[in-house]
């Protein structure tokens, strides 16, 4: 990643922008369509912060299919657990909508293009 990334790009790709009242690590996730690059900037955080993450100073590269498969399995586990604990949680509906979009070839192709454009 170059130093010229736009604010919008960083907000879309940096886990720390997920927010929602939670502290997230400074992970920047980007893909070229084949591999996923994960840059961990957590080690740059203030050592006096309330929450500290242990980070790696070099980027990690993971095949896109492995990454998306792992993310899908993780979110699916979270959603199943939420269904038991908080059936009205908005993540459940968002995940269901995402799976519907993924099952529609034209919409899925559009979403992949959207993701590639950042």
N, C-alpha and C. Protein backbone atom coordinates (compact mmCIF):
# COMPACT_ATOMS: atom_id res chain seq x y z
N UNK A 1 0.84 -1.17 0.00
CA UNK A 1 0.00 0.00 0.00
C UNK A 1 0.88 1.23 0.00
N UNK A 2 0.54 2.16 -0.82
CA UNK A 2 1.33 3.39 -0.87
C UNK A 2 0.86 4.36 0.18
N UNK A 3 1.65 5.39 0.41
CA UNK A 3 1.31 6.39 1.41
C UNK A 3 0.24 7.35 0.94
N UNK A 4 -0.27 7.17 -0.28
CA UNK A 4 -1.24 8.11 -0.83
C UNK A 4 -2.67 7.59 -0.80
N UNK A 5 -2.95 6.63 0.05
CA UNK A 5 -4.31 6.09 0.14
C UNK A 5 -5.27 7.17 0.63
N UNK A 6 -6.44 7.21 0.02
CA UNK A 6 -7.43 8.22 0.41
C UNK A 6 -8.06 7.86 1.76
N UNK A 7 -8.64 8.85 2.38
CA UNK A 7 -9.33 8.63 3.65
C UNK A 7 -10.46 7.61 3.47
N UNK A 8 -11.20 7.73 2.38
CA UNK A 8 -12.29 6.79 2.12
C UNK A 8 -11.80 5.36 1.99
N UNK A 9 -10.67 5.18 1.29
CA UNK A 9 -10.09 3.85 1.14
C UNK A 9 -9.68 3.30 2.49
N UNK A 10 -9.01 4.12 3.29
CA UNK A 10 -8.58 3.67 4.61
C UNK A 10 -9.76 3.31 5.50
N UNK A 11 -10.83 4.11 5.45
CA UNK A 11 -12.01 3.80 6.27
C UNK A 11 -12.65 2.48 5.84
N UNK A 12 -12.58 2.16 4.56
CA UNK A 12 -13.17 0.92 4.06
C UNK A 12 -12.30 -0.30 4.32
N UNK A 13 -11.00 -0.11 4.50
CA UNK A 13 -10.08 -1.24 4.60
C UNK A 13 -9.40 -1.39 5.95
N UNK A 14 -9.58 -0.45 6.84
CA UNK A 14 -8.90 -0.50 8.14
C UNK A 14 -9.88 -0.97 9.22
N UNK A 15 -9.55 -2.08 9.88
CA UNK A 15 -10.42 -2.63 10.92
C UNK A 15 -10.72 -1.62 12.02
N UNK A 16 -9.77 -0.73 12.31
CA UNK A 16 -9.97 0.24 13.39
C UNK A 16 -11.15 1.16 13.11
N UNK A 17 -11.52 1.32 11.85
CA UNK A 17 -12.66 2.18 11.53
C UNK A 17 -13.99 1.49 11.75
N UNK A 18 -13.97 0.18 12.05
CA UNK A 18 -15.22 -0.54 12.32
C UNK A 18 -15.91 0.06 13.54
N UNK A 19 -15.13 0.43 14.53
CA UNK A 19 -15.62 1.16 15.70
C UNK A 19 -16.81 0.52 16.36
N UNK A 20 -17.92 1.23 16.34
CA UNK A 20 -19.13 0.75 16.99
C UNK A 20 -18.98 0.65 18.50
N UNK A 21 -18.07 1.45 19.06
CA UNK A 21 -17.87 1.42 20.50
C UNK A 21 -16.85 0.39 20.96
N UNK A 22 -16.31 -0.37 20.03
CA UNK A 22 -15.31 -1.38 20.37
C UNK A 22 -13.94 -0.95 19.86
N UNK A 23 -12.92 -1.43 20.51
CA UNK A 23 -11.56 -1.17 20.07
C UNK A 23 -11.14 -2.30 19.14
N UNK A 24 -10.71 -1.94 17.95
CA UNK A 24 -10.27 -2.90 16.95
C UNK A 24 -8.80 -2.69 16.68
N UNK A 25 -8.09 -3.75 16.29
CA UNK A 25 -6.68 -3.57 15.93
C UNK A 25 -6.55 -2.78 14.63
N UNK A 26 -5.41 -2.19 14.41
CA UNK A 26 -5.15 -1.43 13.20
C UNK A 26 -4.71 -2.37 12.08
N UNK A 27 -5.65 -3.13 11.57
CA UNK A 27 -5.39 -4.05 10.46
C UNK A 27 -5.89 -3.41 9.18
N UNK A 28 -5.05 -3.36 8.18
CA UNK A 28 -5.46 -2.88 6.87
C UNK A 28 -5.50 -4.09 5.96
N UNK A 29 -6.67 -4.33 5.37
CA UNK A 29 -6.90 -5.53 4.56
C UNK A 29 -7.20 -5.09 3.13
N UNK A 30 -6.42 -5.58 2.17
CA UNK A 30 -6.63 -5.23 0.77
C UNK A 30 -6.30 -6.45 -0.09
N UNK A 31 -6.89 -6.50 -1.27
CA UNK A 31 -6.67 -7.64 -2.16
C UNK A 31 -6.45 -7.17 -3.59
N UNK A 32 -5.70 -7.97 -4.33
CA UNK A 32 -5.51 -7.73 -5.76
C UNK A 32 -6.38 -8.68 -6.58
N UNK A 33 -7.26 -9.42 -5.90
CA UNK A 33 -8.13 -10.38 -6.58
C UNK A 33 -7.60 -11.80 -6.53
N UNK A 34 -6.34 -11.97 -6.14
CA UNK A 34 -5.72 -13.29 -6.03
C UNK A 34 -5.24 -13.54 -4.60
N UNK A 35 -4.55 -12.55 -4.07
CA UNK A 35 -4.01 -12.63 -2.70
C UNK A 35 -4.60 -11.50 -1.86
N UNK A 36 -4.65 -11.72 -0.55
CA UNK A 36 -5.07 -10.69 0.40
C UNK A 36 -3.83 -10.28 1.18
N UNK A 37 -3.64 -8.99 1.28
CA UNK A 37 -2.51 -8.46 2.05
C UNK A 37 -3.07 -7.88 3.34
N UNK A 38 -2.48 -8.31 4.46
CA UNK A 38 -2.89 -7.80 5.77
C UNK A 38 -1.70 -7.07 6.37
N UNK A 39 -1.87 -5.78 6.55
CA UNK A 39 -0.86 -4.96 7.22
C UNK A 39 -1.34 -4.70 8.64
N UNK A 40 -0.55 -5.07 9.58
CA UNK A 40 -0.89 -4.89 10.99
C UNK A 40 -0.09 -3.72 11.54
N UNK A 41 -0.78 -2.66 11.90
CA UNK A 41 -0.14 -1.46 12.45
C UNK A 41 -0.41 -1.32 13.94
N UNK A 42 -0.86 -2.40 14.58
CA UNK A 42 -1.19 -2.34 16.00
C UNK A 42 0.02 -2.02 16.85
N UNK A 43 1.19 -2.43 16.41
CA UNK A 43 2.40 -2.19 17.21
C UNK A 43 2.73 -0.70 17.29
N UNK A 44 2.13 0.12 16.43
CA UNK A 44 2.40 1.55 16.43
C UNK A 44 1.58 2.30 17.48
N UNK A 45 0.66 1.61 18.13
CA UNK A 45 -0.22 2.27 19.09
C UNK A 45 0.55 2.78 20.31
N UNK A 46 -0.06 3.72 20.97
CA UNK A 46 0.48 4.29 22.19
C UNK A 46 0.63 3.19 23.24
N UNK A 47 1.80 3.08 23.83
CA UNK A 47 2.02 2.02 24.81
C UNK A 47 1.22 2.24 26.09
N UNK A 48 0.63 3.42 26.25
CA UNK A 48 -0.19 3.71 27.42
C UNK A 48 -1.68 3.60 27.13
N UNK A 49 -2.03 3.10 25.96
CA UNK A 49 -3.44 2.95 25.60
C UNK A 49 -4.12 1.93 26.51
N UNK A 50 -5.43 2.07 26.67
CA UNK A 50 -6.19 1.14 27.51
C UNK A 50 -6.13 -0.29 26.98
N UNK A 51 -6.16 -0.42 25.66
CA UNK A 51 -6.09 -1.73 25.03
C UNK A 51 -4.89 -1.73 24.09
N UNK A 52 -4.05 -2.73 24.23
CA UNK A 52 -2.88 -2.85 23.34
C UNK A 52 -2.99 -4.16 22.59
N UNK A 53 -2.70 -4.10 21.30
CA UNK A 53 -2.69 -5.28 20.45
C UNK A 53 -1.25 -5.62 20.13
N UNK A 54 -0.99 -6.89 20.02
CA UNK A 54 0.35 -7.34 19.63
C UNK A 54 0.34 -7.45 18.11
N UNK A 55 1.23 -6.76 17.45
CA UNK A 55 1.22 -6.73 16.00
C UNK A 55 2.49 -7.27 15.38
N UNK A 56 2.44 -7.41 14.08
CA UNK A 56 3.58 -7.85 13.29
C UNK A 56 4.04 -6.68 12.43
N UNK A 57 5.32 -6.54 12.27
CA UNK A 57 5.84 -5.41 11.53
C UNK A 57 5.89 -5.63 10.02
N UNK A 58 5.61 -6.81 9.57
CA UNK A 58 5.65 -7.05 8.13
C UNK A 58 4.27 -7.53 7.66
N UNK A 59 3.93 -7.24 6.40
CA UNK A 59 2.61 -7.66 5.91
C UNK A 59 2.53 -9.18 5.75
N UNK A 60 1.32 -9.68 5.83
CA UNK A 60 1.06 -11.10 5.60
C UNK A 60 0.24 -11.22 4.31
N UNK A 61 0.52 -12.25 3.55
CA UNK A 61 -0.20 -12.49 2.31
C UNK A 61 -0.90 -13.85 2.41
N UNK A 62 -2.19 -13.85 2.07
CA UNK A 62 -3.01 -15.05 2.17
C UNK A 62 -3.79 -15.20 0.86
N UNK A 63 -3.88 -16.41 0.30
CA UNK A 63 -4.70 -16.58 -0.90
C UNK A 63 -6.14 -16.10 -0.64
N UNK A 64 -6.69 -15.39 -1.61
CA UNK A 64 -8.03 -14.81 -1.46
C UNK A 64 -9.08 -15.85 -1.08
N UNK A 65 -9.06 -17.00 -1.72
CA UNK A 65 -10.06 -18.04 -1.43
C UNK A 65 -9.95 -18.52 0.03
N UNK A 66 -8.72 -18.67 0.53
CA UNK A 66 -8.53 -19.08 1.92
C UNK A 66 -9.06 -18.01 2.87
N UNK A 67 -8.77 -16.76 2.56
CA UNK A 67 -9.21 -15.65 3.41
C UNK A 67 -10.73 -15.55 3.45
N UNK A 68 -11.35 -15.54 2.27
CA UNK A 68 -12.81 -15.39 2.24
C UNK A 68 -13.49 -16.59 2.90
N UNK A 69 -12.95 -17.79 2.70
CA UNK A 69 -13.52 -18.97 3.35
C UNK A 69 -13.45 -18.87 4.86
N UNK A 70 -12.32 -18.42 5.38
CA UNK A 70 -12.15 -18.27 6.83
C UNK A 70 -13.07 -17.19 7.38
N UNK A 71 -13.20 -16.08 6.66
CA UNK A 71 -14.09 -15.00 7.12
C UNK A 71 -15.53 -15.48 7.12
N UNK A 72 -15.94 -16.19 6.08
CA UNK A 72 -17.32 -16.70 6.01
C UNK A 72 -17.60 -17.67 7.16
N UNK A 73 -16.67 -18.57 7.43
CA UNK A 73 -16.87 -19.52 8.54
C UNK A 73 -16.95 -18.77 9.88
N UNK A 74 -16.08 -17.78 10.07
CA UNK A 74 -16.08 -17.02 11.32
C UNK A 74 -17.39 -16.25 11.50
N UNK A 75 -17.80 -15.52 10.47
CA UNK A 75 -19.05 -14.74 10.59
C UNK A 75 -20.23 -15.67 10.78
N UNK A 76 -20.25 -16.79 10.09
CA UNK A 76 -21.34 -17.74 10.25
C UNK A 76 -21.42 -18.24 11.70
N UNK A 77 -20.28 -18.55 12.30
CA UNK A 77 -20.27 -18.97 13.71
C UNK A 77 -20.79 -17.86 14.63
N UNK A 78 -20.35 -16.64 14.37
CA UNK A 78 -20.80 -15.50 15.19
C UNK A 78 -22.31 -15.31 15.04
N UNK A 79 -22.81 -15.38 13.82
CA UNK A 79 -24.24 -15.19 13.57
C UNK A 79 -25.06 -16.30 14.22
N UNK A 80 -24.59 -17.54 14.15
CA UNK A 80 -25.32 -18.63 14.81
C UNK A 80 -25.38 -18.42 16.31
N UNK A 81 -24.30 -17.96 16.89
CA UNK A 81 -24.27 -17.68 18.33
C UNK A 81 -25.18 -16.51 18.67
N UNK A 82 -25.14 -15.47 17.85
CA UNK A 82 -26.02 -14.31 18.07
C UNK A 82 -27.48 -14.70 17.97
N UNK A 83 -27.80 -15.63 17.07
CA UNK A 83 -29.19 -16.07 16.92
C UNK A 83 -29.73 -16.62 18.22
N UNK A 84 -28.86 -17.27 19.01
CA UNK A 84 -29.27 -17.81 20.31
C UNK A 84 -29.36 -16.72 21.37
N UNK A 85 -28.41 -15.79 21.34
CA UNK A 85 -28.32 -14.78 22.41
C UNK A 85 -29.11 -13.51 22.15
N UNK A 86 -29.14 -13.09 20.89
CA UNK A 86 -29.76 -11.81 20.54
C UNK A 86 -30.35 -11.91 19.13
N UNK A 87 -31.49 -12.59 19.01
CA UNK A 87 -32.05 -12.88 17.68
C UNK A 87 -32.35 -11.66 16.82
N UNK A 88 -32.46 -10.48 17.43
CA UNK A 88 -32.77 -9.28 16.64
C UNK A 88 -31.52 -8.47 16.29
N UNK A 89 -30.34 -9.01 16.56
CA UNK A 89 -29.10 -8.28 16.26
C UNK A 89 -29.04 -7.98 14.76
N UNK A 90 -28.70 -6.74 14.38
CA UNK A 90 -28.67 -6.37 12.96
C UNK A 90 -27.64 -7.15 12.13
N UNK A 91 -26.62 -7.70 12.75
CA UNK A 91 -25.64 -8.47 12.00
C UNK A 91 -26.28 -9.70 11.37
N UNK A 92 -27.26 -10.28 12.03
CA UNK A 92 -27.92 -11.47 11.50
C UNK A 92 -28.59 -11.16 10.16
N UNK A 93 -29.35 -10.08 10.12
CA UNK A 93 -30.02 -9.68 8.88
C UNK A 93 -29.03 -9.26 7.80
N UNK A 94 -27.98 -8.55 8.19
CA UNK A 94 -26.97 -8.12 7.23
C UNK A 94 -26.28 -9.32 6.60
N UNK A 95 -25.99 -10.33 7.42
CA UNK A 95 -25.33 -11.54 6.90
C UNK A 95 -26.26 -12.29 5.96
N UNK A 96 -27.54 -12.38 6.32
CA UNK A 96 -28.51 -13.04 5.45
C UNK A 96 -28.62 -12.31 4.11
N UNK A 97 -28.66 -10.97 4.15
CA UNK A 97 -28.70 -10.18 2.91
C UNK A 97 -27.46 -10.42 2.07
N UNK A 98 -26.30 -10.47 2.73
CA UNK A 98 -25.03 -10.71 2.03
C UNK A 98 -25.06 -12.07 1.34
N UNK A 99 -25.54 -13.10 2.03
CA UNK A 99 -25.58 -14.45 1.44
C UNK A 99 -26.53 -14.50 0.24
N UNK A 100 -27.64 -13.77 0.32
CA UNK A 100 -28.56 -13.70 -0.82
C UNK A 100 -27.86 -13.06 -2.01
N UNK A 101 -27.18 -11.93 -1.76
CA UNK A 101 -26.45 -11.26 -2.85
C UNK A 101 -25.39 -12.17 -3.46
N UNK A 102 -24.72 -12.94 -2.62
CA UNK A 102 -23.68 -13.84 -3.09
C UNK A 102 -24.25 -14.96 -3.95
N UNK A 103 -25.50 -15.35 -3.69
CA UNK A 103 -26.12 -16.44 -4.44
C UNK A 103 -26.67 -15.99 -5.79
N UNK A 104 -26.76 -14.67 -6.00
CA UNK A 104 -27.26 -14.13 -7.27
C UNK A 104 -26.05 -13.75 -8.13
N UNK A 105 -25.79 -14.50 -9.22
CA UNK A 105 -24.56 -14.29 -10.00
C UNK A 105 -24.31 -12.85 -10.44
N UNK A 106 -25.34 -12.16 -10.92
CA UNK A 106 -25.14 -10.78 -11.39
C UNK A 106 -24.79 -9.84 -10.23
N UNK A 107 -25.49 -9.99 -9.12
CA UNK A 107 -25.20 -9.15 -7.96
C UNK A 107 -23.84 -9.47 -7.37
N UNK A 108 -23.51 -10.77 -7.32
CA UNK A 108 -22.20 -11.18 -6.80
C UNK A 108 -21.07 -10.60 -7.66
N UNK A 109 -21.24 -10.63 -8.98
CA UNK A 109 -20.22 -10.07 -9.89
C UNK A 109 -20.08 -8.57 -9.66
N UNK A 110 -21.20 -7.89 -9.48
CA UNK A 110 -21.17 -6.44 -9.22
C UNK A 110 -20.44 -6.16 -7.90
N UNK A 111 -20.71 -6.93 -6.86
CA UNK A 111 -20.07 -6.74 -5.55
C UNK A 111 -18.57 -7.01 -5.63
N UNK A 112 -18.17 -8.03 -6.42
CA UNK A 112 -16.73 -8.29 -6.60
C UNK A 112 -16.05 -7.12 -7.29
N UNK A 113 -16.70 -6.57 -8.30
CA UNK A 113 -16.15 -5.40 -9.01
C UNK A 113 -16.07 -4.21 -8.05
N UNK A 114 -17.11 -4.02 -7.28
CA UNK A 114 -17.14 -2.94 -6.28
C UNK A 114 -15.98 -3.09 -5.30
N UNK A 115 -15.73 -4.31 -4.86
CA UNK A 115 -14.63 -4.57 -3.91
C UNK A 115 -13.29 -4.30 -4.57
N UNK A 116 -13.12 -4.69 -5.81
CA UNK A 116 -11.85 -4.46 -6.51
C UNK A 116 -11.57 -2.97 -6.68
N UNK A 117 -12.63 -2.19 -6.84
CA UNK A 117 -12.45 -0.75 -7.01
C UNK A 117 -12.17 -0.04 -5.68
N UNK A 118 -12.36 -0.76 -4.58
CA UNK A 118 -12.05 -0.20 -3.27
C UNK A 118 -13.18 0.60 -2.73
